[in-house]
């Protein structure tokens, strides 16, 4: 099932979306869907980092390298 969403964009953002669509050969709807998907993924990641970050630091895991060593 699909939902249609109407979005009002400021003129500058609309023009940038038009240019991106022409430059990439992709339609504006696909660009907006991908952008929203990335935004939502980023929000989820930040929430996880906010929750787990302090716990990881308490265990001495402060870098990606520390984490890779711990799970390897």
N, C-alpha and C. Protein backbone atom coordinates (compact mmCIF):
# COMPACT_ATOMS: atom_id res chain seq x y z
N UNK A 1 0.83 -1.18 0.00
CA UNK A 1 0.00 0.00 0.00
C UNK A 1 0.87 1.24 0.00
N UNK A 2 0.46 2.23 -0.70
CA UNK A 2 1.20 3.49 -0.78
C UNK A 2 0.37 4.61 -0.19
N UNK A 3 1.07 5.61 0.32
CA UNK A 3 0.42 6.81 0.83
C UNK A 3 0.96 8.00 0.05
N UNK A 4 0.09 8.86 -0.37
CA UNK A 4 0.49 10.07 -1.08
C UNK A 4 0.64 11.17 -0.04
N UNK A 5 1.76 11.88 -0.14
CA UNK A 5 2.06 12.95 0.80
C UNK A 5 2.35 14.22 0.01
N UNK A 6 1.69 15.27 0.35
CA UNK A 6 1.94 16.56 -0.29
C UNK A 6 2.85 17.37 0.62
N UNK A 7 3.94 17.87 0.06
CA UNK A 7 4.92 18.62 0.85
C UNK A 7 5.15 19.98 0.23
N UNK A 8 5.14 20.99 1.04
CA UNK A 8 5.44 22.34 0.59
C UNK A 8 6.92 22.61 0.86
N UNK A 9 7.65 23.02 -0.17
CA UNK A 9 9.08 23.29 -0.05
C UNK A 9 9.37 24.77 -0.28
N UNK A 10 10.34 25.30 0.44
CA UNK A 10 10.79 26.65 0.13
C UNK A 10 11.33 26.67 -1.31
N UNK A 11 11.25 27.80 -1.94
CA UNK A 11 11.62 27.91 -3.36
C UNK A 11 13.05 27.42 -3.62
N UNK A 12 13.99 27.80 -2.78
CA UNK A 12 15.39 27.40 -3.01
C UNK A 12 15.55 25.89 -2.94
N UNK A 13 14.90 25.26 -1.97
CA UNK A 13 15.00 23.81 -1.84
C UNK A 13 14.33 23.12 -3.03
N UNK A 14 13.23 23.66 -3.48
CA UNK A 14 12.53 23.12 -4.64
C UNK A 14 13.42 23.20 -5.89
N UNK A 15 14.10 24.32 -6.05
CA UNK A 15 15.00 24.49 -7.20
C UNK A 15 16.17 23.52 -7.12
N UNK A 16 16.71 23.31 -5.91
CA UNK A 16 17.81 22.35 -5.75
C UNK A 16 17.34 20.94 -6.07
N UNK A 17 16.12 20.61 -5.66
CA UNK A 17 15.57 19.29 -5.96
C UNK A 17 15.38 19.13 -7.47
N UNK A 18 14.91 20.16 -8.14
CA UNK A 18 14.76 20.12 -9.61
C UNK A 18 16.12 19.86 -10.27
N UNK A 19 17.14 20.60 -9.82
CA UNK A 19 18.47 20.43 -10.41
C UNK A 19 19.01 19.02 -10.16
N UNK A 20 18.82 18.52 -8.94
CA UNK A 20 19.30 17.17 -8.62
C UNK A 20 18.58 16.13 -9.47
N UNK A 21 17.30 16.34 -9.69
CA UNK A 21 16.53 15.42 -10.51
C UNK A 21 17.04 15.40 -11.95
N UNK A 22 17.28 16.56 -12.49
CA UNK A 22 17.79 16.64 -13.87
C UNK A 22 19.20 16.09 -13.97
N UNK A 23 20.03 16.39 -12.99
CA UNK A 23 21.43 15.95 -13.01
C UNK A 23 21.53 14.43 -12.91
N UNK A 24 20.68 13.83 -12.10
CA UNK A 24 20.78 12.39 -11.86
C UNK A 24 19.87 11.56 -12.76
N UNK A 25 18.90 12.22 -13.39
CA UNK A 25 17.95 11.48 -14.22
C UNK A 25 16.92 10.72 -13.39
N UNK A 26 16.83 11.06 -12.12
CA UNK A 26 15.86 10.40 -11.23
C UNK A 26 14.69 11.35 -10.99
N UNK A 27 13.52 10.78 -10.74
CA UNK A 27 12.40 11.68 -10.47
C UNK A 27 12.47 12.20 -9.04
N UNK A 28 11.81 13.33 -8.85
CA UNK A 28 11.88 14.01 -7.55
C UNK A 28 11.33 13.15 -6.42
N UNK A 29 10.30 12.40 -6.71
CA UNK A 29 9.71 11.55 -5.69
C UNK A 29 10.71 10.52 -5.17
N UNK A 30 11.47 9.91 -6.08
CA UNK A 30 12.48 8.93 -5.66
C UNK A 30 13.57 9.57 -4.80
N UNK A 31 13.97 10.77 -5.18
CA UNK A 31 15.00 11.47 -4.41
C UNK A 31 14.50 11.79 -3.01
N UNK A 32 13.26 12.24 -2.91
CA UNK A 32 12.69 12.58 -1.60
C UNK A 32 12.53 11.31 -0.76
N UNK A 33 12.07 10.21 -1.37
CA UNK A 33 11.91 8.95 -0.62
C UNK A 33 13.25 8.47 -0.08
N UNK A 34 14.29 8.51 -0.92
CA UNK A 34 15.61 8.08 -0.46
C UNK A 34 16.13 9.00 0.64
N UNK A 35 15.94 10.30 0.48
CA UNK A 35 16.40 11.26 1.49
C UNK A 35 15.69 11.04 2.82
N UNK A 36 14.39 10.80 2.78
CA UNK A 36 13.63 10.56 4.00
C UNK A 36 14.08 9.27 4.67
N UNK A 37 14.32 8.25 3.86
CA UNK A 37 14.79 6.97 4.40
C UNK A 37 16.13 7.14 5.11
N UNK A 38 17.06 7.88 4.50
CA UNK A 38 18.36 8.13 5.12
C UNK A 38 18.22 8.96 6.39
N UNK A 39 17.34 9.93 6.37
CA UNK A 39 17.10 10.77 7.55
C UNK A 39 16.58 9.92 8.71
N UNK A 40 15.60 9.06 8.44
CA UNK A 40 15.03 8.22 9.49
C UNK A 40 16.06 7.22 10.02
N UNK A 41 16.88 6.67 9.13
CA UNK A 41 17.95 5.76 9.55
C UNK A 41 18.93 6.50 10.47
N UNK A 42 19.28 7.70 10.10
CA UNK A 42 20.21 8.51 10.91
C UNK A 42 19.61 8.80 12.29
N UNK A 43 18.34 9.10 12.34
CA UNK A 43 17.68 9.35 13.63
C UNK A 43 17.74 8.11 14.52
N UNK A 44 17.49 6.94 13.94
CA UNK A 44 17.55 5.69 14.71
C UNK A 44 18.97 5.45 15.21
N UNK A 45 19.95 5.66 14.35
CA UNK A 45 21.34 5.46 14.74
C UNK A 45 21.73 6.39 15.88
N UNK A 46 21.35 7.65 15.79
CA UNK A 46 21.67 8.62 16.85
C UNK A 46 21.02 8.23 18.18
N UNK A 47 19.80 7.70 18.11
CA UNK A 47 19.12 7.27 19.33
C UNK A 47 19.86 6.10 19.98
N UNK A 48 20.32 5.18 19.15
CA UNK A 48 21.08 4.03 19.66
C UNK A 48 22.40 4.51 20.26
N UNK A 49 23.07 5.41 19.56
CA UNK A 49 24.34 5.93 20.06
C UNK A 49 24.15 6.67 21.39
N UNK A 50 23.06 7.40 21.50
CA UNK A 50 22.79 8.15 22.73
C UNK A 50 22.57 7.19 23.90
N UNK A 51 21.91 6.08 23.62
CA UNK A 51 21.63 5.10 24.66
C UNK A 51 22.86 4.27 25.01
N UNK A 52 23.54 3.79 23.98
CA UNK A 52 24.64 2.85 24.22
C UNK A 52 26.00 3.52 24.39
N UNK A 53 26.15 4.75 23.93
CA UNK A 53 27.43 5.44 24.01
C UNK A 53 28.00 5.51 25.42
N UNK A 54 27.24 5.98 26.38
CA UNK A 54 27.77 6.05 27.75
C UNK A 54 28.13 4.66 28.31
N UNK A 55 27.34 3.65 27.98
CA UNK A 55 27.62 2.29 28.45
C UNK A 55 28.93 1.78 27.84
N UNK A 56 29.13 2.08 26.56
CA UNK A 56 30.36 1.63 25.88
C UNK A 56 31.58 2.33 26.50
N UNK A 57 31.47 3.62 26.77
CA UNK A 57 32.59 4.36 27.36
C UNK A 57 32.96 3.81 28.73
N UNK A 58 31.96 3.41 29.51
CA UNK A 58 32.23 2.82 30.82
C UNK A 58 33.04 1.53 30.69
N UNK A 59 32.88 0.84 29.57
CA UNK A 59 33.61 -0.41 29.33
C UNK A 59 34.90 -0.18 28.56
N UNK A 60 35.25 1.09 28.34
CA UNK A 60 36.50 1.40 27.66
C UNK A 60 36.42 1.34 26.15
N UNK A 61 35.22 1.30 25.61
CA UNK A 61 35.04 1.26 24.15
C UNK A 61 34.77 2.68 23.66
N UNK A 62 35.82 3.32 23.17
CA UNK A 62 35.67 4.72 22.78
C UNK A 62 35.86 4.95 21.28
N UNK A 63 36.37 3.95 20.58
CA UNK A 63 36.58 4.11 19.14
C UNK A 63 36.01 2.90 18.41
N UNK A 64 35.84 3.03 17.10
CA UNK A 64 35.38 1.90 16.30
C UNK A 64 36.36 0.74 16.41
N UNK A 65 37.64 1.07 16.47
CA UNK A 65 38.66 0.03 16.61
C UNK A 65 38.46 -0.77 17.90
N UNK A 66 38.15 -0.07 18.99
CA UNK A 66 37.88 -0.75 20.27
C UNK A 66 36.71 -1.71 20.13
N UNK A 67 35.68 -1.26 19.46
CA UNK A 67 34.48 -2.08 19.29
C UNK A 67 34.80 -3.31 18.43
N UNK A 68 35.53 -3.12 17.33
CA UNK A 68 35.87 -4.24 16.46
C UNK A 68 36.70 -5.27 17.21
N UNK A 69 37.62 -4.79 18.03
CA UNK A 69 38.44 -5.72 18.82
C UNK A 69 37.56 -6.49 19.79
N UNK A 70 36.60 -5.82 20.40
CA UNK A 70 35.75 -6.47 21.41
C UNK A 70 34.83 -7.54 20.80
N UNK A 71 34.41 -7.33 19.57
CA UNK A 71 33.49 -8.30 18.97
C UNK A 71 34.18 -9.33 18.09
N UNK A 72 35.47 -9.18 17.90
CA UNK A 72 36.19 -10.13 17.04
C UNK A 72 36.58 -11.37 17.81
